[in-house]
Amino acid sequence: MRTKTLKPVITFATTSDAMAMEAEARAHGIPGRIIPVPSEIDAGCGLAWCAEADEKSALLKGIEEHAIAHEGVFDVLLF
């Protein structure tokens, strides 16, 4: 049986910001993937970026280094 684990989730104000995140992630090897915003989070856009818990520092470093626009950073229990 799968169990939920705490994962970093990045939210965005616009879909364009989420798509920019995806492009930067591919170009620079930033970990994670686009997911629908979890119901536990209220965000301006319906898309979020999620990575594994052990990738959180690399994710945050990539966002900072490449000045990726985002709305918030949350730790959420997800499958």
PDB file of N, CA and C in Angstrom:
ATOM      1  N   MET A   1       0.830  -1.182   0.000  1.00  0.00           N
ATOM      2  CA  MET A   1       0.000   0.000   0.000  1.00  0.00           C
ATOM      3  C   MET A   1       0.877   1.249   0.000  1.00  0.00           C
ATOM      4  N   ARG A   2       0.538   2.189  -0.846  1.00  0.00           N
ATOM      5  CA  ARG A   2       1.289   3.445  -0.902  1.00  0.00           C
ATOM      6  C   ARG A   2       0.938   4.316   0.299  1.00  0.00           C
ATOM      7  N   THR A   3       1.920   5.048   0.763  1.00  0.00           N
ATOM      8  CA  THR A   3       1.676   5.972   1.861  1.00  0.00           C
ATOM      9  C   THR A   3       2.028   7.389   1.415  1.00  0.00           C
ATOM     10  N   LYS A   4       1.364   8.334   2.000  1.00  0.00           N
ATOM     11  CA  LYS A   4       1.642   9.729   1.691  1.00  0.00           C
ATOM     12  C   LYS A   4       2.943  10.141   2.358  1.00  0.00           C
ATOM     13  N   THR A   5       3.695  10.982   1.661  1.00  0.00           N
ATOM     14  CA  THR A   5       4.930  11.528   2.216  1.00  0.00           C
ATOM     15  C   THR A   5       4.900  13.047   2.061  1.00  0.00           C
ATOM     16  N   LEU A   6       5.637  13.714   2.905  1.00  0.00           N
ATOM     17  CA  LEU A   6       5.713  15.166   2.857  1.00  0.00           C
ATOM     18  C   LEU A   6       6.571  15.574   1.662  1.00  0.00           C
ATOM     19  N   LYS A   7       6.001  16.385   0.758  1.00  0.00           N
ATOM     20  CA  LYS A   7       6.706  16.817  -0.448  1.00  0.00           C
ATOM     21  C   LYS A   7       6.627  18.328  -0.586  1.00  0.00           C
ATOM     22  N   PRO A   8       7.673  18.944  -1.119  1.00  0.00           N
ATOM     23  CA  PRO A   8       7.619  20.384  -1.372  1.00  0.00           C
ATOM     24  C   PRO A   8       6.739  20.666  -2.586  1.00  0.00           C
ATOM     25  N   VAL A   9       5.866  21.651  -2.445  1.00  0.00           N
ATOM     26  CA  VAL A   9       4.968  22.058  -3.531  1.00  0.00           C
ATOM     27  C   VAL A   9       5.119  23.561  -3.722  1.00  0.00           C
ATOM     28  N   ILE A  10       5.390  23.958  -4.957  1.00  0.00           N
ATOM     29  CA  ILE A  10       5.544  25.365  -5.316  1.00  0.00           C
ATOM     30  C   ILE A  10       4.294  25.796  -6.064  1.00  0.00           C
ATOM     31  N   THR A  11       3.708  26.923  -5.670  1.00  0.00           N
ATOM     32  CA  THR A  11       2.519  27.433  -6.355  1.00  0.00           C
ATOM     33  C   THR A  11       2.878  28.673  -7.171  1.00  0.00           C
ATOM     34  N   PHE A  12       2.009  28.984  -8.123  1.00  0.00           N
ATOM     35  CA  PHE A  12       2.239  30.080  -9.055  1.00  0.00           C
ATOM     36  C   PHE A  12       1.004  30.955  -9.157  1.00  0.00           C
ATOM     37  N   ALA A  13       1.223  32.232  -9.441  1.00  0.00           N
ATOM     38  CA  ALA A  13       0.114  33.171  -9.594  1.00  0.00           C
ATOM     39  C   ALA A  13      -0.589  32.980 -10.937  1.00  0.00           C
ATOM     40  N   THR A  14       0.172  32.569 -11.957  1.00  0.00           N
ATOM     41  CA  THR A  14      -0.407  32.416 -13.295  1.00  0.00           C
ATOM     42  C   THR A  14       0.063  31.115 -13.939  1.00  0.00           C
ATOM     43  N   THR A  15      -0.696  30.668 -14.928  1.00  0.00           N
ATOM     44  CA  THR A  15      -0.306  29.490 -15.697  1.00  0.00           C
ATOM     45  C   THR A  15       1.003  29.755 -16.437  1.00  0.00           C
ATOM     46  N   SER A  16       1.194  30.968 -16.892  1.00  0.00           N
ATOM     47  CA  SER A  16       2.441  31.327 -17.585  1.00  0.00           C
ATOM     48  C   SER A  16       3.645  31.122 -16.678  1.00  0.00           C
ATOM     49  N   ASP A  17       3.517  31.469 -15.404  1.00  0.00           N
ATOM     50  CA  ASP A  17       4.616  31.255 -14.451  1.00  0.00           C
ATOM     51  C   ASP A  17       4.904  29.764 -14.284  1.00  0.00           C
ATOM     52  N   ALA A  18       3.852  28.946 -14.238  1.00  0.00           N
ATOM     53  CA  ALA A  18       4.027  27.497 -14.103  1.00  0.00           C
ATOM     54  C   ALA A  18       4.725  26.928 -15.339  1.00  0.00           C
ATOM     55  N   MET A  19       4.348  27.400 -16.521  1.00  0.00           N
ATOM     56  CA  MET A  19       4.982  26.934 -17.750  1.00  0.00           C
ATOM     57  C   MET A  19       6.446  27.392 -17.825  1.00  0.00           C
ATOM     58  N   ALA A  20       6.719  28.593 -17.327  1.00  0.00           N
ATOM     59  CA  ALA A  20       8.101  29.083 -17.278  1.00  0.00           C
ATOM     60  C   ALA A  20       8.932  28.209 -16.340  1.00  0.00           C
ATOM     61  N   MET A  21       8.341  27.796 -15.227  1.00  0.00           N
ATOM     62  CA  MET A  21       9.035  26.904 -14.292  1.00  0.00           C
ATOM     63  C   MET A  21       9.402  25.601 -14.990  1.00  0.00           C
ATOM     64  N   GLU A  22       8.461  25.049 -15.727  1.00  0.00           N
ATOM     65  CA  GLU A  22       8.715  23.787 -16.426  1.00  0.00           C
ATOM     66  C   GLU A  22       9.861  23.941 -17.431  1.00  0.00           C
ATOM     67  N   ALA A  23       9.872  25.038 -18.172  1.00  0.00           N
ATOM     68  CA  ALA A  23      10.933  25.278 -19.152  1.00  0.00           C
ATOM     69  C   ALA A  23      12.294  25.419 -18.467  1.00  0.00           C
ATOM     70  N   GLU A  24      12.336  26.189 -17.383  1.00  0.00           N
ATOM     71  CA  GLU A  24      13.596  26.374 -16.651  1.00  0.00           C
ATOM     72  C   GLU A  24      14.063  25.061 -16.025  1.00  0.00           C
ATOM     73  N   ALA A  25      13.132  24.275 -15.518  1.00  0.00           N
ATOM     74  CA  ALA A  25      13.483  22.990 -14.908  1.00  0.00           C
ATOM     75  C   ALA A  25      14.121  22.063 -15.931  1.00  0.00           C
ATOM     76  N   ARG A  26      13.541  21.995 -17.109  1.00  0.00           N
ATOM     77  CA  ARG A  26      14.112  21.153 -18.164  1.00  0.00           C
ATOM     78  C   ARG A  26      15.497  21.651 -18.577  1.00  0.00           C
ATOM     79  N   ALA A  27      15.633  22.955 -18.720  1.00  0.00           N
ATOM     80  CA  ALA A  27      16.893  23.538 -19.182  1.00  0.00           C
ATOM     81  C   ALA A  27      18.018  23.419 -18.155  1.00  0.00           C
ATOM     82  N   HIS A  28      17.673  23.434 -16.872  1.00  0.00           N
ATOM     83  CA  HIS A  28      18.694  23.495 -15.824  1.00  0.00           C
ATOM     84  C   HIS A  28      18.691  22.311 -14.863  1.00  0.00           C
ATOM     85  N   GLY A  29      17.899  21.281 -15.149  1.00  0.00           N
ATOM     86  CA  GLY A  29      17.901  20.086 -14.310  1.00  0.00           C
ATOM     87  C   GLY A  29      17.305  20.272 -12.932  1.00  0.00           C
ATOM     88  N   ILE A  30      16.344  21.183 -12.805  1.00  0.00           N
ATOM     89  CA  ILE A  30      15.672  21.395 -11.521  1.00  0.00           C
ATOM     90  C   ILE A  30      14.685  20.242 -11.323  1.00  0.00           C
ATOM     91  N   PRO A  31      14.725  19.586 -10.166  1.00  0.00           N
ATOM     92  CA  PRO A  31      13.872  18.410  -9.961  1.00  0.00           C
ATOM     93  C   PRO A  31      12.396  18.763  -9.803  1.00  0.00           C
ATOM     94  N   GLY A  32      11.548  17.796 -10.170  1.00  0.00           N
ATOM     95  CA  GLY A  32      10.110  17.924  -9.953  1.00  0.00           C
ATOM     96  C   GLY A  32       9.302  17.839 -11.227  1.00  0.00           C
ATOM     97  N   ARG A  33       7.992  18.092 -11.052  1.00  0.00           N
ATOM     98  CA  ARG A  33       7.060  18.025 -12.182  1.00  0.00           C
ATOM     99  C   ARG A  33       5.832  18.864 -11.871  1.00  0.00           C
ATOM    100  N   ILE A  34       5.092  19.201 -12.909  1.00  0.00           N
ATOM    101  CA  ILE A  34       3.841  19.953 -12.736  1.00  0.00           C
ATOM    102  C   ILE A  34       2.751  19.001 -12.266  1.00  0.00           C
ATOM    103  N   ILE A  35       1.970  19.484 -11.308  1.00  0.00           N
ATOM    104  CA  ILE A  35       0.804  18.742 -10.807  1.00  0.00           C
ATOM    105  C   ILE A  35      -0.355  19.730 -10.653  1.00  0.00           C
ATOM    106  N   PRO A  36      -1.590  19.219 -10.553  1.00  0.00           N
ATOM    107  CA  PRO A  36      -2.694  20.113 -10.171  1.00  0.00           C
ATOM    108  C   PRO A  36      -2.476  20.579  -8.730  1.00  0.00           C
ATOM    109  N   VAL A  37      -2.894  21.786  -8.414  1.00  0.00           N
ATOM    110  CA  VAL A  37      -2.736  22.285  -7.050  1.00  0.00           C
ATOM    111  C   VAL A  37      -3.509  21.368  -6.090  1.00  0.00           C
ATOM    112  N   PRO A  38      -2.845  20.852  -5.061  1.00  0.00           N
ATOM    113  CA  PRO A  38      -3.537  20.003  -4.080  1.00  0.00           C
ATOM    114  C   PRO A  38      -4.658  20.782  -3.386  1.00  0.00           C
ATOM    115  N   SER A  39      -5.689  20.088  -2.996  1.00  0.00           N
ATOM    116  CA  SER A  39      -6.853  20.736  -2.381  1.00  0.00           C
ATOM    117  C   SER A  39      -6.508  21.416  -1.053  1.00  0.00           C
ATOM    118  N   GLU A  40      -5.407  21.035  -0.433  1.00  0.00           N
ATOM    119  CA  GLU A  40      -4.989  21.639   0.833  1.00  0.00           C
ATOM    120  C   GLU A  40      -4.464  23.059   0.658  1.00  0.00           C
ATOM    121  N   ILE A  41      -4.181  23.449  -0.580  1.00  0.00           N
ATOM    122  CA  ILE A  41      -3.571  24.750  -0.867  1.00  0.00           C
ATOM    123  C   ILE A  41      -4.532  25.594  -1.695  1.00  0.00           C
ATOM    124  N   ASP A  42      -4.599  26.869  -1.368  1.00  0.00           N
ATOM    125  CA  ASP A  42      -5.363  27.827  -2.153  1.00  0.00           C
ATOM    126  C   ASP A  42      -4.360  28.665  -2.939  1.00  0.00           C
ATOM    127  N   ALA A  43      -4.376  28.556  -4.272  1.00  0.00           N
ATOM    128  CA  ALA A  43      -3.396  29.264  -5.094  1.00  0.00           C
ATOM    129  C   ALA A  43      -4.091  29.958  -6.252  1.00  0.00           C
ATOM    130  N   GLY A  44      -3.418  30.975  -6.809  1.00  0.00           N
ATOM    131  CA  GLY A  44      -3.971  31.761  -7.904  1.00  0.00           C
ATOM    132  C   GLY A  44      -4.098  30.994  -9.201  1.00  0.00           C
ATOM    133  N   CYS A  45      -3.265  30.000  -9.390  1.00  0.00           N
ATOM    134  CA  CYS A  45      -3.236  29.213 -10.621  1.00  0.00           C
ATOM    135  C   CYS A  45      -3.593  27.774 -10.264  1.00  0.00           C
ATOM    136  N   GLY A  46      -4.107  27.028 -11.193  1.00  0.00           N
ATOM    137  CA  GLY A  46      -4.489  25.644 -10.923  1.00  0.00           C
ATOM    138  C   GLY A  46      -3.342  24.654 -11.018  1.00  0.00           C
ATOM    139  N   LEU A  47      -2.134  25.154 -11.301  1.00  0.00           N
ATOM    140  CA  LEU A  47      -0.973  24.279 -11.444  1.00  0.00           C
ATOM    141  C   LEU A  47       0.052  24.548 -10.352  1.00  0.00           C
ATOM    142  N   ALA A  48       0.780  23.500  -9.985  1.00  0.00           N
ATOM    143  CA  ALA A  48       1.832  23.608  -8.982  1.00  0.00           C
ATOM    144  C   ALA A  48       3.014  22.765  -9.439  1.00  0.00           C
ATOM    145  N   TRP A  49       4.137  22.914  -8.758  1.00  0.00           N
ATOM    146  CA  TRP A  49       5.336  22.128  -9.035  1.00  0.00           C
ATOM    147  C   TRP A  49       5.622  21.300  -7.797  1.00  0.00           C
ATOM    148  N   CYS A  50       5.866  20.017  -7.979  1.00  0.00           N
ATOM    149  CA  CYS A  50       6.103  19.116  -6.861  1.00  0.00           C
ATOM    150  C   CYS A  50       7.394  18.339  -7.085  1.00  0.00           C
ATOM    151  N   ALA A  51       8.135  18.122  -6.015  1.00  0.00           N
ATOM    152  CA  ALA A  51       9.359  17.316  -6.064  1.00  0.00           C
ATOM    153  C   ALA A  51       9.348  16.357  -4.877  1.00  0.00           C
ATOM    154  N   GLU A  52      10.292  15.463  -4.869  1.00  0.00           N
ATOM    155  CA  GLU A  52      10.440  14.556  -3.737  1.00  0.00           C
ATOM    156  C   GLU A  52      11.058  15.321  -2.569  1.00  0.00           C
ATOM    157  N   ALA A  53      10.805  14.857  -1.355  1.00  0.00           N
ATOM    158  CA  ALA A  53      11.278  15.546  -0.150  1.00  0.00           C
ATOM    159  C   ALA A  53      12.786  15.741  -0.146  1.00  0.00           C
ATOM    160  N   ASP A  54      13.533  14.737  -0.605  1.00  0.00           N
ATOM    161  CA  ASP A  54      14.994  14.845  -0.583  1.00  0.00           C
ATOM    162  C   ASP A  54      15.536  15.767  -1.674  1.00  0.00           C
ATOM    163  N   GLU A  55      14.662  16.271  -2.547  1.00  0.00           N
ATOM    164  CA  GLU A  55      15.064  17.190  -3.606  1.00  0.00           C
ATOM    165  C   GLU A  55      14.717  18.650  -3.292  1.00  0.00           C
ATOM    166  N   LYS A  56      14.172  18.892  -2.098  1.00  0.00           N
ATOM    167  CA  LYS A  56      13.687  20.233  -1.763  1.00  0.00           C
ATOM    168  C   LYS A  56      14.783  21.285  -1.841  1.00  0.00           C
ATOM    169  N   SER A  57      15.954  21.023  -1.306  1.00  0.00           N
ATOM    170  CA  SER A  57      17.003  22.044  -1.326  1.00  0.00           C
ATOM    171  C   SER A  57      17.444  22.353  -2.751  1.00  0.00           C
ATOM    172  N   ALA A  58      17.568  21.340  -3.609  1.00  0.00           N
ATOM    173  CA  ALA A  58      17.932  21.560  -5.016  1.00  0.00           C
ATOM    174  C   ALA A  58      16.839  22.338  -5.741  1.00  0.00           C
ATOM    175  N   LEU A  59      15.595  22.049  -5.421  1.00  0.00           N
ATOM    176  CA  LEU A  59      14.456  22.757  -6.015  1.00  0.00           C
ATOM    177  C   LEU A  59      14.487  24.233  -5.638  1.00  0.00           C
ATOM    178  N   LEU A  60      14.619  24.519  -4.361  1.00  0.00           N
ATOM    179  CA  LEU A  60      14.632  25.912  -3.904  1.00  0.00           C
ATOM    180  C   LEU A  60      15.850  26.670  -4.423  1.00  0.00           C
ATOM    181  N   LYS A  61      16.988  25.998  -4.486  1.00  0.00           N
ATOM    182  CA  LYS A  61      18.191  26.622  -5.025  1.00  0.00           C
ATOM    183  C   LYS A  61      17.994  26.977  -6.501  1.00  0.00           C
ATOM    184  N   GLY A  62      17.391  26.069  -7.276  1.00  0.00           N
ATOM    185  CA  GLY A  62      17.132  26.315  -8.687  1.00  0.00           C
ATOM    186  C   GLY A  62      16.176  27.468  -8.905  1.00  0.00           C
ATOM    187  N   ILE A  63      15.142  27.558  -8.089  1.00  0.00           N
ATOM    188  CA  ILE A  63      14.182  28.658  -8.190  1.00  0.00           C
ATOM    189  C   ILE A  63      14.869  29.991  -7.917  1.00  0.00           C
ATOM    190  N   GLU A  64      15.714  30.011  -6.898  1.00  0.00           N
ATOM    191  CA  GLU A  64      16.411  31.251  -6.543  1.00  0.00           C
ATOM    192  C   GLU A  64      17.438  31.638  -7.606  1.00  0.00           C
ATOM    193  N   GLU A  65      18.252  30.675  -8.032  1.00  0.00           N
ATOM    194  CA  GLU A  65      19.317  30.951  -9.003  1.00  0.00           C
ATOM    195  C   GLU A  65      18.778  31.469 -10.337  1.00  0.00           C
ATOM    196  N   HIS A  66      17.629  30.962 -10.738  1.00  0.00           N
ATOM    197  CA  HIS A  66      17.080  31.309 -12.052  1.00  0.00           C
ATOM    198  C   HIS A  66      15.913  32.299 -11.958  1.00  0.00           C
ATOM    199  N   ALA A  67      15.735  32.886 -10.783  1.00  0.00           N
ATOM    200  CA  ALA A  67      14.713  33.920 -10.546  1.00  0.00           C
ATOM    201  C   ALA A  67      13.355  33.524 -11.111  1.00  0.00           C
ATOM    202  N   ILE A  68      12.896  32.327 -10.751  1.00  0.00           N
ATOM    203  CA  ILE A  68      11.617  31.823 -11.225  1.00  0.00           C
ATOM    204  C   ILE A  68      10.499  32.406 -10.366  1.00  0.00           C
ATOM    205  N   ALA A  69       9.550  33.077 -11.032  1.00  0.00           N
ATOM    206  CA  ALA A  69       8.422  33.684 -10.316  1.00  0.00           C
ATOM    207  C   ALA A  69       7.535  32.579  -9.734  1.00  0.00           C
ATOM    208  N   HIS A  70       7.238  32.698  -8.452  1.00  0.00           N
ATOM    209  CA  HIS A  70       6.349  31.738  -7.803  1.00  0.00           C
ATOM    210  C   HIS A  70       5.568  32.450  -6.707  1.00  0.00           C
ATOM    211  N   GLU A  71       4.514  31.807  -6.266  1.00  0.00           N
ATOM    212  CA  GLU A  71       3.623  32.406  -5.272  1.00  0.00           C
ATOM    213  C   GLU A  71       3.942  31.942  -3.865  1.00  0.00           C
ATOM    214  N   GLY A  72       4.174  30.643  -3.702  1.00  0.00           N
ATOM    215  CA  GLY A  72       4.428  30.121  -2.363  1.00  0.00           C
ATOM    216  C   GLY A  72       5.127  28.779  -2.387  1.00  0.00           C
ATOM    217  N   VAL A  73       5.668  28.392  -1.236  1.00  0.00           N
ATOM    218  CA  VAL A  73       6.328  27.110  -1.053  1.00  0.00           C
ATOM    219  C   VAL A  73       5.644  26.422   0.125  1.00  0.00           C
ATOM    220  N   PHE A  74       5.169  25.213  -0.087  1.00  0.00           N
ATOM    221  CA  PHE A  74       4.434  24.481   0.943  1.00  0.00           C
ATOM    222  C   PHE A  74       4.973  23.065   1.054  1.00  0.00           C
ATOM    223  N   ASP A  75       4.865  22.471   2.221  1.00  0.00           N
ATOM    224  CA  ASP A  75       5.134  21.056   2.410  1.00  0.00           C
ATOM    225  C   ASP A  75       3.781  20.372   2.591  1.00  0.00           C
ATOM    226  N   VAL A  76       3.466  19.424   1.687  1.00  0.00           N
ATOM    227  CA  VAL A  76       2.143  18.806   1.658  1.00  0.00           C
ATOM    228  C   VAL A  76       2.300  17.282   1.646  1.00  0.00           C
ATOM    229  N   LEU A  77       1.438  16.601   2.370  1.00  0.00           N
ATOM    230  CA  LEU A  77       1.421  15.138   2.328  1.00  0.00           C
ATOM    231  C   LEU A  77       0.762  14.691   1.029  1.00  0.00           C
ATOM    232  N   LEU A  78       1.538  14.013   0.173  1.00  0.00           N
ATOM    233  CA  LEU A  78       1.050  13.533  -1.123  1.00  0.00           C
ATOM    234  C   LEU A  78       1.512  12.116  -1.377  1.00  0.00           C
ATOM    235  N   PHE A  79       0.833  11.443  -2.265  1.00  0.00           N
ATOM    236  CA  PHE A  79       1.275  10.108  -2.696  1.00  0.00           C
ATOM    237  C   PHE A  79       2.439  10.245  -3.633  1.00  0.00           C
TER     238      PHE A  79
END
